[in-house]
Amino acid sequence: MVRIDRRNGLRAGASCPAEHVLERTATELPRAYARWEAVHGTDRAPTEWSPLCPHDGQAVDAVVVTHPRRDDVFLVEPGYDRRTQTLELSVEVDPPVPAVTWVVDGQSVGESPWPYEASWALEPGEHEVWVEVAGERSEAVRFSVRG
């Protein structure tokens, strides 16, 4: 199985948002079989990584929320102080900027300088988080909190 970035047909790294990933079966044979593959028309996996979702996880010229991940589910633990139950937020930003603004469910929850991390108090329900940088907005990540 190979992860493909739907936007450009290239390989998708682990940090690629799920809505942009297509998983499919493809062949990956050594170069010695290139002629055989060409003759038989096999479904060869792309060899290049998508610049939007690179192999090493760092997207160039992009802002990507890395935690939480799409469709993550978190739990508010009964019996524990609600003030101590938080979700750690993280993002990759390239090129670096002085600070990012975290937004959860359309409400700004704070500004963070490098390393662009923040905490958000868990609230039961369905939520969306994104980051705003210089008037631009990252893709929203949806997640759930049970409680």
C-alpha atoms as a PDB file:
ATOM      1  CA  MET A   1       0.000   0.000   0.000  1.00  0.00           C
ATOM      2  CA  VAL A   2       1.265   3.441  -0.933  1.00  0.00           C
ATOM      3  CA  ARG A   3      -0.002   6.809   0.328  1.00  0.00           C
ATOM      4  CA  ILE A   4      -0.579   9.246  -2.559  1.00  0.00           C
ATOM      5  CA  ASP A   5      -1.255  12.999  -2.301  1.00  0.00           C
ATOM      6  CA  ARG A   6      -4.509  13.413  -4.291  1.00  0.00           C
ATOM      7  CA  ARG A   7      -3.556  16.984  -5.219  1.00  0.00           C
ATOM      8  CA  ASN A   8      -0.520  16.045  -7.322  1.00  0.00           C
ATOM      9  CA  GLY A   9      -0.235  12.238  -7.558  1.00  0.00           C
ATOM     10  CA  LEU A  10       3.047  12.111  -5.620  1.00  0.00           C
ATOM     11  CA  ARG A  11       3.850  10.164  -2.434  1.00  0.00           C
ATOM     12  CA  ALA A  12       2.252  11.502   0.740  1.00  0.00           C
ATOM     13  CA  GLY A  13       4.191  11.644   4.010  1.00  0.00           C
ATOM     14  CA  ALA A  14       2.739  10.807   7.415  1.00  0.00           C
ATOM     15  CA  SER A  15       1.801  14.430   8.202  1.00  0.00           C
ATOM     16  CA  CYS A  16      -0.442  14.744   5.135  1.00  0.00           C
ATOM     17  CA  PRO A  17      -4.080  15.451   6.113  1.00  0.00           C
ATOM     18  CA  ALA A  18      -6.209  12.334   5.507  1.00  0.00           C
ATOM     19  CA  GLU A  19      -8.607  14.152   3.171  1.00  0.00           C
ATOM     20  CA  HIS A  20      -5.709  14.595   0.718  1.00  0.00           C
ATOM     21  CA  VAL A  21      -4.468  10.994   0.882  1.00  0.00           C
ATOM     22  CA  LEU A  22      -5.371   8.103  -1.377  1.00  0.00           C
ATOM     23  CA  GLU A  23      -4.048   4.697  -0.349  1.00  0.00           C
ATOM     24  CA  ARG A  24      -3.580   2.232  -3.185  1.00  0.00           C
ATOM     25  CA  THR A  25      -1.660  -0.880  -4.077  1.00  0.00           C
ATOM     26  CA  ALA A  26       1.362  -0.266  -6.291  1.00  0.00           C
ATOM     27  CA  THR A  27       4.524  -2.100  -7.291  1.00  0.00           C
ATOM     28  CA  GLU A  28       7.985  -1.146  -6.139  1.00  0.00           C
ATOM     29  CA  LEU A  29      10.498  -3.275  -7.992  1.00  0.00           C
ATOM     30  CA  PRO A  30      14.255  -2.711  -8.295  1.00  0.00           C
ATOM     31  CA  ARG A  31      15.512  -0.663 -11.258  1.00  0.00           C
ATOM     32  CA  ALA A  32      16.590  -3.872 -12.992  1.00  0.00           C
ATOM     33  CA  TYR A  33      12.880  -4.536 -13.684  1.00  0.00           C
ATOM     34  CA  ALA A  34      12.108  -1.118 -15.202  1.00  0.00           C
ATOM     35  CA  ARG A  35      11.926  -2.466 -18.777  1.00  0.00           C
ATOM     36  CA  TRP A  36       9.644  -5.326 -17.675  1.00  0.00           C
ATOM     37  CA  GLU A  37       7.365  -2.835 -15.855  1.00  0.00           C
ATOM     38  CA  ALA A  38       7.207  -0.592 -18.920  1.00  0.00           C
ATOM     39  CA  VAL A  39       6.220  -3.508 -21.154  1.00  0.00           C
ATOM     40  CA  HIS A  40       3.633  -4.903 -18.740  1.00  0.00           C
ATOM     41  CA  GLY A  41       2.146  -1.563 -17.669  1.00  0.00           C
ATOM     42  CA  THR A  42       2.292  -2.179 -13.932  1.00  0.00           C
ATOM     43  CA  ASP A  43       0.885   0.355 -11.498  1.00  0.00           C
ATOM     44  CA  ARG A  44       4.228   1.666 -10.279  1.00  0.00           C
ATOM     45  CA  ALA A  45       4.380   3.762  -7.098  1.00  0.00           C
ATOM     46  CA  PRO A  46       5.573   7.362  -7.555  1.00  0.00           C
ATOM     47  CA  THR A  47       9.203   7.872  -6.596  1.00  0.00           C
ATOM     48  CA  GLU A  48       8.931  11.550  -5.638  1.00  0.00           C
ATOM     49  CA  TRP A  49       7.484  12.935  -2.412  1.00  0.00           C
ATOM     50  CA  SER A  50       4.804  15.597  -2.525  1.00  0.00           C
ATOM     51  CA  PRO A  51       6.202  19.002  -1.517  1.00  0.00           C
ATOM     52  CA  LEU A  52       2.894  19.537   0.325  1.00  0.00           C
ATOM     53  CA  CYS A  53       3.325  16.321   2.383  1.00  0.00           C
ATOM     54  CA  PRO A  54       7.022  15.348   2.301  1.00  0.00           C
ATOM     55  CA  HIS A  55       8.518  12.146   3.676  1.00  0.00           C
ATOM     56  CA  ASP A  56      10.318  13.873   6.552  1.00  0.00           C
ATOM     57  CA  GLY A  57       7.083  15.538   7.648  1.00  0.00           C
ATOM     58  CA  GLN A  58       8.244  19.122   7.147  1.00  0.00           C
ATOM     59  CA  ALA A  59       6.121  20.820   4.510  1.00  0.00           C
ATOM     60  CA  VAL A  60       7.954  23.644   2.740  1.00  0.00           C
ATOM     61  CA  ASP A  61       6.067  26.948   2.462  1.00  0.00           C
ATOM     62  CA  ALA A  62       3.192  25.547   4.492  1.00  0.00           C
ATOM     63  CA  VAL A  63       1.392  25.629   7.821  1.00  0.00           C
ATOM     64  CA  VAL A  64       0.270  22.159   8.976  1.00  0.00           C
ATOM     65  CA  VAL A  65      -1.403  21.308  12.291  1.00  0.00           C
ATOM     66  CA  THR A  66       0.421  18.196  13.549  1.00  0.00           C
ATOM     67  CA  HIS A  67      -1.526  17.654  16.797  1.00  0.00           C
ATOM     68  CA  PRO A  68      -4.298  16.809  17.088  1.00  0.00           C
ATOM     69  CA  ARG A  69      -4.639  14.691  13.949  1.00  0.00           C
ATOM     70  CA  ARG A  70      -7.820  14.413  11.921  1.00  0.00           C
ATOM     71  CA  ASP A  71     -10.538  12.357  13.672  1.00  0.00           C
ATOM     72  CA  ASP A  72      -8.582  11.940  16.929  1.00  0.00           C
ATOM     73  CA  VAL A  73     -10.799  11.218  19.944  1.00  0.00           C
ATOM     74  CA  PHE A  74      -9.959  12.453  23.446  1.00  0.00           C
ATOM     75  CA  LEU A  75     -11.628  11.726  26.776  1.00  0.00           C
ATOM     76  CA  VAL A  76     -12.443  13.981  29.725  1.00  0.00           C
ATOM     77  CA  GLU A  77     -11.563  11.784  32.706  1.00  0.00           C
ATOM     78  CA  PRO A  78     -14.211  11.841  35.455  1.00  0.00           C
ATOM     79  CA  GLY A  79     -12.930  12.583  38.925  1.00  0.00           C
ATOM     80  CA  TYR A  80      -9.997  14.704  37.796  1.00  0.00           C
ATOM     81  CA  ASP A  81      -9.817  18.487  37.943  1.00  0.00           C
ATOM     82  CA  ARG A  82     -11.087  19.790  34.577  1.00  0.00           C
ATOM     83  CA  ARG A  83      -8.472  22.569  34.641  1.00  0.00           C
ATOM     84  CA  THR A  84      -5.723  19.967  34.331  1.00  0.00           C
ATOM     85  CA  GLN A  85      -7.294  18.172  31.353  1.00  0.00           C
ATOM     86  CA  THR A  86      -5.907  19.860  28.283  1.00  0.00           C
ATOM     87  CA  LEU A  87      -5.052  19.058  24.701  1.00  0.00           C
ATOM     88  CA  GLU A  88      -1.573  19.950  23.496  1.00  0.00           C
ATOM     89  CA  LEU A  89      -1.662  21.710  20.114  1.00  0.00           C
ATOM     90  CA  SER A  90       1.291  21.721  17.711  1.00  0.00           C
ATOM     91  CA  VAL A  91       1.943  22.939  14.189  1.00  0.00           C
ATOM     92  CA  GLU A  92       4.755  22.963  11.634  1.00  0.00           C
ATOM     93  CA  VAL A  93       5.404  26.328  10.014  1.00  0.00           C
ATOM     94  CA  ASP A  94       7.737  26.971   7.085  1.00  0.00           C
ATOM     95  CA  PRO A  95       9.160  29.501   6.717  1.00  0.00           C
ATOM     96  CA  PRO A  96       9.340  30.397  10.425  1.00  0.00           C
ATOM     97  CA  VAL A  97       7.254  33.312  11.663  1.00  0.00           C
ATOM     98  CA  PRO A  98       7.362  35.253  14.946  1.00  0.00           C
ATOM     99  CA  ALA A  99       4.069  33.722  16.184  1.00  0.00           C
ATOM    100  CA  VAL A 100       0.902  31.867  15.182  1.00  0.00           C
ATOM    101  CA  THR A 101      -2.681  32.295  16.356  1.00  0.00           C
ATOM    102  CA  TRP A 102      -4.521  29.148  17.426  1.00  0.00           C
ATOM    103  CA  VAL A 103      -8.246  28.968  16.653  1.00  0.00           C
ATOM    104  CA  VAL A 104     -10.628  26.317  18.009  1.00  0.00           C
ATOM    105  CA  ASP A 105     -14.236  26.292  16.798  1.00  0.00           C
ATOM    106  CA  GLY A 106     -13.824  29.765  15.339  1.00  0.00           C
ATOM    107  CA  GLN A 107     -12.577  31.300  18.609  1.00  0.00           C
ATOM    108  CA  SER A 108      -9.000  32.468  19.055  1.00  0.00           C
ATOM    109  CA  VAL A 109      -7.444  30.559  21.961  1.00  0.00           C
ATOM    110  CA  GLY A 110      -4.104  32.306  21.953  1.00  0.00           C
ATOM    111  CA  GLU A 111      -0.962  33.305  20.167  1.00  0.00           C
ATOM    112  CA  SER A 112       2.188  31.178  20.326  1.00  0.00           C
ATOM    113  CA  PRO A 113       5.764  32.007  19.410  1.00  0.00           C
ATOM    114  CA  TRP A 114       8.155  29.268  18.276  1.00  0.00           C
ATOM    115  CA  PRO A 115       7.861  26.288  18.796  1.00  0.00           C
ATOM    116  CA  TYR A 116       4.222  27.250  18.083  1.00  0.00           C
ATOM    117  CA  GLU A 117       2.672  25.020  20.752  1.00  0.00           C
ATOM    118  CA  ALA A 118      -0.372  25.723  22.915  1.00  0.00           C
ATOM    119  CA  SER A 119      -2.783  24.000  25.307  1.00  0.00           C
ATOM    120  CA  TRP A 120      -6.557  23.959  25.059  1.00  0.00           C
ATOM    121  CA  ALA A 121      -8.911  22.925  27.899  1.00  0.00           C
ATOM    122  CA  LEU A 122     -10.857  19.835  26.843  1.00  0.00           C
ATOM    123  CA  GLU A 123     -14.581  20.376  26.241  1.00  0.00           C
ATOM    124  CA  PRO A 124     -16.897  17.525  25.215  1.00  0.00           C
ATOM    125  CA  GLY A 125     -18.132  17.668  21.635  1.00  0.00           C
ATOM    126  CA  GLU A 126     -16.972  17.839  18.032  1.00  0.00           C
ATOM    127  CA  HIS A 127     -14.297  20.463  17.353  1.00  0.00           C
ATOM    128  CA  GLU A 128     -12.141  22.049  14.656  1.00  0.00           C
ATOM    129  CA  VAL A 129      -8.711  23.580  15.144  1.00  0.00           C
ATOM    130  CA  TRP A 130      -6.587  25.635  12.780  1.00  0.00           C
ATOM    131  CA  VAL A 131      -3.770  28.143  12.843  1.00  0.00           C
ATOM    132  CA  GLU A 132      -3.697  31.644  11.395  1.00  0.00           C
ATOM    133  CA  VAL A 133      -0.414  33.126  10.192  1.00  0.00           C
ATOM    134  CA  ALA A 134      -0.155  36.563   8.580  1.00  0.00           C
ATOM    135  CA  GLY A 135      -3.773  36.514   7.432  1.00  0.00           C
ATOM    136  CA  GLU A 136      -3.522  32.960   6.045  1.00  0.00           C
ATOM    137  CA  ARG A 137      -5.243  29.960   7.591  1.00  0.00           C
ATOM    138  CA  SER A 138      -4.056  26.339   7.798  1.00  0.00           C
ATOM    139  CA  GLU A 139      -6.383  23.487   6.949  1.00  0.00           C
ATOM    140  CA  ALA A 140      -8.804  22.765   9.772  1.00  0.00           C
ATOM    141  CA  VAL A 141      -8.400  19.531  11.720  1.00  0.00           C
ATOM    142  CA  ARG A 142     -11.555  17.946  13.134  1.00  0.00           C
ATOM    143  CA  PHE A 143     -11.427  15.988  16.398  1.00  0.00           C
ATOM    144  CA  SER A 144     -13.776  14.812  19.167  1.00  0.00           C
ATOM    145  CA  VAL A 145     -13.803  15.020  22.950  1.00  0.00           C
ATOM    146  CA  ARG A 146     -15.918  12.528  24.881  1.00  0.00           C
ATOM    147  CA  GLY A 147     -16.959  13.189  28.415  1.00  0.00           C
END
